[in-house]
């Protein structure tokens, strides 16, 4: 994949910019990462109050979203905070609106081009739209930390063993490896993560809500911990989610310095990294 290694950036540090896509006129976006070869894009979309799509349309790419704030109306269904949706390529959105405004974490698997006519042969398509808040928690998914009640997950789409999946991952508070040091993780798949709430400790910094990572396949990362617990959305790309561990170990601190791995265009964010204001 042509996406750069990002580990990690706080989305609060990125500027809002006008949507470059005609089917989202008047919206603003923050581009988290993009595949230069396919146009696949991960982003935040901010819908202004009273926004409505100009016309029904067919997207040429699959679309995945989680409503972070506000309310979206999609094809007559009201999607509030924590609503999760997946729509396959060729899906027709009859209506899309944000009566009072909304912000959605959004993923396109190719350039999000929209047309007034379907590009496929008219085969029946199935979408998924659920309130993720109401889904049950289960034990950690295959490839994640096992044998521990400190990790739970909600599978939103796909299968971690099948090479494509989206899930919510929860970690407990006061989580850390033994003796505050541990090996790094290596996965065969690419891994994408957006921190929805809480914190994660890593050797390269303390991730706060709004943190985003794109980890290419077989890139060593971690170990991880958490002071207050965390909730993250994770996406798995390209291979089954299996975990190997390095022979070496790294130390973990409660207040690690921010030392991210970022592409050149984003390195200016390390000069004055964003920090949440608690007091």
Protein backbone atom coordinates (compact mmCIF):
# COMPACT_ATOMS: atom_id res chain seq x y z
CA UNK A 1 0.00 0.00 0.00
CA UNK A 2 1.13 3.51 -0.73
CA UNK A 3 -0.01 5.07 2.52
CA UNK A 4 2.77 6.51 4.64
CA UNK A 5 3.60 5.23 8.10
CA UNK A 6 1.83 7.44 10.67
CA UNK A 7 2.40 6.69 14.35
CA UNK A 8 0.87 8.88 15.57
CA UNK A 9 -0.78 12.28 15.01
CA UNK A 10 -3.47 14.08 16.99
CA UNK A 11 -6.21 14.98 14.54
CA UNK A 12 -6.75 18.22 16.50
CA UNK A 13 -3.41 19.42 15.04
CA UNK A 14 -4.68 19.20 11.45
CA UNK A 15 -6.51 22.11 9.82
CA UNK A 16 -10.07 21.86 8.53
CA UNK A 17 -10.24 22.33 4.76
CA UNK A 18 -13.09 22.64 2.30
CA UNK A 19 -14.31 19.31 0.95
CA UNK A 20 -12.72 18.57 -2.46
CA UNK A 21 -15.62 16.28 -3.46
CA UNK A 22 -18.77 17.60 -5.19
CA UNK A 23 -21.10 15.23 -3.30
CA UNK A 24 -20.06 16.90 -0.01
CA UNK A 25 -20.45 20.59 -0.89
CA UNK A 26 -20.11 23.00 2.03
CA UNK A 27 -18.56 20.35 4.28
CA UNK A 28 -15.08 20.56 5.77
CA UNK A 29 -12.65 17.68 6.15
CA UNK A 30 -9.44 16.66 7.88
CA UNK A 31 -7.45 14.16 5.81
CA UNK A 32 -5.90 11.66 8.21
CA UNK A 33 -4.21 9.52 5.56
CA UNK A 34 -4.54 8.74 1.85
CA UNK A 35 -3.31 6.05 -0.52
CA UNK A 36 -1.79 7.89 -3.47
CA UNK A 37 -2.27 4.87 -5.75
CA UNK A 38 -5.93 4.05 -5.10
CA UNK A 39 -7.29 7.26 -3.60
CA UNK A 40 -8.42 5.37 -0.48
CA UNK A 41 -8.82 8.02 2.21
CA UNK A 42 -9.37 8.15 5.97
CA UNK A 43 -10.77 11.45 7.18
CA UNK A 44 -13.01 13.43 9.47
CA UNK A 45 -16.03 15.06 7.81
CA UNK A 46 -17.74 18.04 9.43
CA UNK A 47 -21.30 18.64 8.19
CA UNK A 48 -22.66 22.13 8.87
CA UNK A 49 -26.05 22.64 10.49
CA UNK A 50 -28.88 22.32 7.99
CA UNK A 51 -26.74 20.54 5.40
CA UNK A 52 -28.41 18.36 2.75
CA UNK A 53 -26.91 16.40 -0.13
CA UNK A 54 -27.63 18.18 -3.42
CA UNK A 55 -29.11 15.04 -5.07
CA UNK A 56 -29.28 11.25 -4.74
CA UNK A 57 -26.13 9.56 -5.98
CA UNK A 58 -24.13 6.35 -6.36
CA UNK A 59 -20.66 6.24 -4.82
CA UNK A 60 -18.01 4.36 -6.79
CA UNK A 61 -16.30 3.25 -3.58
CA UNK A 62 -17.32 1.63 -0.34
CA UNK A 63 -17.94 4.07 2.51
CA UNK A 64 -17.55 3.38 6.21
CA UNK A 65 -18.36 5.83 8.98
CA UNK A 66 -18.80 6.31 12.69
CA UNK A 67 -20.74 9.36 13.89
CA UNK A 68 -18.63 11.17 16.50
CA UNK A 69 -20.93 14.13 17.18
CA UNK A 70 -24.32 15.39 16.10
CA UNK A 71 -26.85 13.60 13.91
CA UNK A 72 -26.75 12.33 10.34
CA UNK A 73 -29.85 11.30 8.41
CA UNK A 74 -29.00 8.57 5.90
CA UNK A 75 -31.72 7.25 3.61
CA UNK A 76 -34.41 8.23 6.10
CA UNK A 77 -32.66 6.77 9.16
CA UNK A 78 -31.49 8.95 12.03
CA UNK A 79 -27.89 8.18 12.97
CA UNK A 80 -26.76 9.77 16.21
CA UNK A 81 -23.49 9.60 18.12
CA UNK A 82 -21.88 6.13 17.95
CA UNK A 83 -23.90 5.07 14.88
CA UNK A 84 -21.78 2.90 12.58
CA UNK A 85 -22.43 2.47 8.87
CA UNK A 86 -20.88 0.54 6.00
CA UNK A 87 -22.10 0.99 2.44
CA UNK A 88 -20.65 -1.03 -0.46
CA UNK A 89 -19.45 0.51 -3.72
CA UNK A 90 -22.44 1.29 -5.90
CA UNK A 91 -24.77 1.96 -2.96
CA UNK A 92 -27.37 4.65 -3.71
CA UNK A 93 -27.86 7.22 -0.97
CA UNK A 94 -31.35 8.54 -1.61
CA UNK A 95 -30.87 11.20 1.08
CA UNK A 96 -28.04 12.43 3.28
CA UNK A 97 -28.52 15.33 5.69
CA UNK A 98 -27.28 16.86 8.95
CA UNK A 99 -30.17 18.90 10.43
CA UNK A 100 -28.09 20.27 13.32
CA UNK A 101 -24.61 19.47 12.02
CA UNK A 102 -22.44 16.42 12.60
CA UNK A 103 -18.87 15.12 12.58
CA UNK A 104 -18.18 11.62 11.23
CA UNK A 105 -15.03 9.53 11.12
CA UNK A 106 -15.14 8.31 7.52
CA UNK A 107 -13.26 5.86 5.31
CA UNK A 108 -13.34 5.52 1.52
CA UNK A 109 -11.60 2.56 -0.12
CA UNK A 110 -10.97 4.45 -3.38
CA UNK A 111 -11.46 7.95 -4.77
CA UNK A 112 -14.99 8.85 -3.59
CA UNK A 113 -16.52 9.71 -6.96
CA UNK A 114 -20.29 10.04 -7.12
CA UNK A 115 -22.58 9.67 -10.13
CA UNK A 116 -26.30 9.82 -10.84
CA UNK A 117 -26.34 6.29 -12.31
CA UNK A 118 -24.97 2.98 -11.00
CA UNK A 119 -21.70 1.73 -12.47
CA UNK A 120 -22.35 -1.98 -11.84
CA UNK A 121 -24.80 -4.45 -13.23
CA UNK A 122 -27.56 -3.78 -10.74
CA UNK A 123 -26.79 -6.66 -8.38
CA UNK A 124 -28.45 -6.49 -4.97
CA UNK A 125 -26.28 -4.70 -2.44
CA UNK A 126 -26.35 -4.99 1.34
CA UNK A 127 -25.31 -2.27 3.77
CA UNK A 128 -24.84 -2.28 7.55
CA UNK A 129 -26.11 0.46 9.85
CA UNK A 130 -26.14 -0.11 13.60
CA UNK A 131 -25.87 1.71 16.92
CA UNK A 132 -22.44 0.51 18.03
CA UNK A 133 -23.21 1.56 21.62
CA UNK A 134 -25.77 -1.24 21.87
CA UNK A 135 -23.60 -4.04 20.45
CA UNK A 136 -22.31 -6.60 22.98
CA UNK A 137 -18.69 -6.76 24.08
CA UNK A 138 -16.77 -9.96 23.55
CA UNK A 139 -13.32 -11.26 24.45
CA UNK A 140 -10.41 -9.90 22.47
CA UNK A 141 -10.43 -10.88 18.79
CA UNK A 142 -7.96 -13.44 17.36
CA UNK A 143 -4.52 -11.90 17.08
CA UNK A 144 -5.15 -9.39 19.83
CA UNK A 145 -4.03 -9.86 23.41
CA UNK A 146 -5.54 -13.11 24.66
CA UNK A 147 -5.95 -14.59 28.08
CA UNK A 148 -6.64 -11.17 29.62
CA UNK A 149 -9.81 -9.46 30.77
CA UNK A 150 -8.15 -6.08 30.16
CA UNK A 151 -9.15 -6.09 26.46
CA UNK A 152 -12.60 -6.38 24.91
CA UNK A 153 -13.88 -5.82 21.39
CA UNK A 154 -17.01 -5.23 19.32
CA UNK A 155 -16.81 -6.52 15.76
CA UNK A 156 -18.46 -4.01 13.45
CA UNK A 157 -17.68 -5.57 10.08
CA UNK A 158 -15.68 -8.39 8.47
CA UNK A 159 -13.41 -10.89 10.19
CA UNK A 160 -9.96 -10.33 11.73
CA UNK A 161 -8.98 -13.76 10.44
CA UNK A 162 -10.19 -12.93 6.95
CA UNK A 163 -7.90 -9.99 6.30
CA UNK A 164 -10.48 -7.19 6.44
CA UNK A 165 -12.30 -6.05 9.56
CA UNK A 166 -13.43 -3.07 11.60
CA UNK A 167 -13.85 -3.30 15.34
CA UNK A 168 -14.04 -1.29 18.53
CA UNK A 169 -11.31 -2.14 21.02
CA UNK A 170 -11.53 -1.31 24.73
CA UNK A 171 -8.66 -1.44 27.22
CA UNK A 172 -8.83 -1.22 30.99
CA UNK A 173 -7.37 1.54 33.15
CA UNK A 174 -3.96 1.16 34.81
CA UNK A 175 -2.86 -1.25 32.09
CA UNK A 176 0.86 -1.82 31.52
CA UNK A 177 3.23 -4.67 30.63
CA UNK A 178 5.06 -6.47 33.46
CA UNK A 179 7.85 -4.36 34.95
CA UNK A 180 6.80 -1.53 32.60
CA UNK A 181 8.62 -3.04 29.65
CA UNK A 182 7.73 -5.52 26.93
CA UNK A 183 8.27 -6.71 23.35
CA UNK A 184 6.86 -4.95 20.31
CA UNK A 185 4.01 -6.33 18.19
CA UNK A 186 4.28 -7.24 14.48
CA UNK A 187 1.24 -7.97 12.28
CA UNK A 188 1.05 -9.34 8.75
CA UNK A 189 -1.75 -6.89 7.98
CA UNK A 190 -1.79 -3.13 7.86
CA UNK A 191 -3.50 -1.67 10.94
CA UNK A 192 -5.37 1.61 11.28
CA UNK A 193 -6.46 3.09 14.60
CA UNK A 194 -8.40 6.15 15.77
CA UNK A 195 -8.64 6.76 19.51
CA UNK A 196 -12.22 7.67 20.41
CA UNK A 197 -11.81 8.14 24.16
CA UNK A 198 -9.30 7.75 26.96
CA UNK A 199 -5.55 7.37 26.51
CA UNK A 200 -2.91 4.94 25.29
CA UNK A 201 0.70 4.96 26.44
CA UNK A 202 3.38 3.99 23.94
CA UNK A 203 7.16 4.42 23.75
CA UNK A 204 6.64 7.30 21.29
CA UNK A 205 4.08 9.27 23.27
CA UNK A 206 0.74 9.34 25.05
CA UNK A 207 -2.18 9.11 22.64
CA UNK A 208 -5.25 11.15 23.59
CA UNK A 209 -8.75 11.02 22.11
CA UNK A 210 -8.45 12.06 18.46
CA UNK A 211 -5.11 10.29 17.89
CA UNK A 212 -4.70 8.49 14.56
CA UNK A 213 -2.26 5.79 13.40
CA UNK A 214 -1.60 4.00 10.11
CA UNK A 215 0.78 1.09 10.65
CA UNK A 216 1.97 -0.71 7.48
CA UNK A 217 2.29 -4.48 7.59
CA UNK A 218 5.17 -5.94 9.60
CA UNK A 219 6.07 -2.64 11.27
CA UNK A 220 7.00 -3.22 14.92
CA UNK A 221 5.03 -1.08 17.39
CA UNK A 222 4.24 -0.89 21.08
CA UNK A 223 4.26 -1.99 23.83
CA UNK A 224 1.13 -0.22 25.06
CA UNK A 225 -0.53 0.69 28.31
CA UNK A 226 -3.22 3.07 29.57
CA UNK A 227 -3.68 5.25 32.63
CA UNK A 228 -7.43 5.86 32.31
CA UNK A 229 -8.56 3.16 29.88
CA UNK A 230 -9.32 3.64 26.20
CA UNK A 231 -11.82 3.10 23.40
CA UNK A 232 -10.52 2.92 19.83
CA UNK A 233 -11.79 2.09 16.36
CA UNK A 234 -9.41 -0.29 14.58
CA UNK A 235 -9.39 -1.33 10.91
CA UNK A 236 -7.47 -4.33 9.54
CA UNK A 237 -6.27 -4.37 5.93
CA UNK A 238 -4.83 -6.92 3.55
CA UNK A 239 -4.03 -10.01 5.62
CA UNK A 240 -5.31 -11.99 8.62
CA UNK A 241 -4.68 -10.29 11.95
CA UNK A 242 -1.99 -12.38 13.60
CA UNK A 243 0.56 -11.16 16.14
CA UNK A 244 4.26 -11.90 16.50
CA UNK A 245 6.48 -10.38 19.15
CA UNK A 246 10.01 -9.06 18.85
CA UNK A 247 12.91 -10.56 20.76
CA UNK A 248 13.82 -7.14 22.12
CA UNK A 249 11.82 -5.20 24.71
CA UNK A 250 11.15 -1.50 25.11
CA UNK A 251 10.46 0.47 28.26
CA UNK A 252 7.10 2.17 28.77
CA UNK A 253 6.68 5.38 30.77
CA UNK A 254 3.65 7.05 32.32
CA UNK A 255 4.50 10.34 30.60
CA UNK A 256 6.43 9.35 27.46
CA UNK A 257 7.81 12.16 25.24
CA UNK A 258 6.17 12.68 21.84
CA UNK A 259 8.50 11.10 19.27
CA UNK A 260 6.22 10.15 16.38
CA UNK A 261 6.91 8.53 13.03
CA UNK A 262 5.40 10.88 10.44
CA UNK A 263 5.82 11.58 6.71
CA UNK A 264 7.68 14.81 5.83
CA UNK A 265 4.48 16.79 5.19
CA UNK A 266 3.33 16.21 8.77
CA UNK A 267 6.58 16.54 10.70
CA UNK A 268 5.88 20.15 11.59
CA UNK A 269 3.27 18.77 14.00
CA UNK A 270 6.07 17.52 16.25
CA UNK A 271 7.31 21.06 16.97
CA UNK A 272 4.35 21.90 19.19
CA UNK A 273 2.38 18.69 19.67
CA UNK A 274 -1.26 19.09 20.68
CA UNK A 275 -2.01 18.23 24.29
CA UNK A 276 -5.42 18.09 25.99
CA UNK A 277 -6.12 20.83 28.49
CA UNK A 278 -7.18 19.40 31.85
CA UNK A 279 -7.08 22.47 34.05
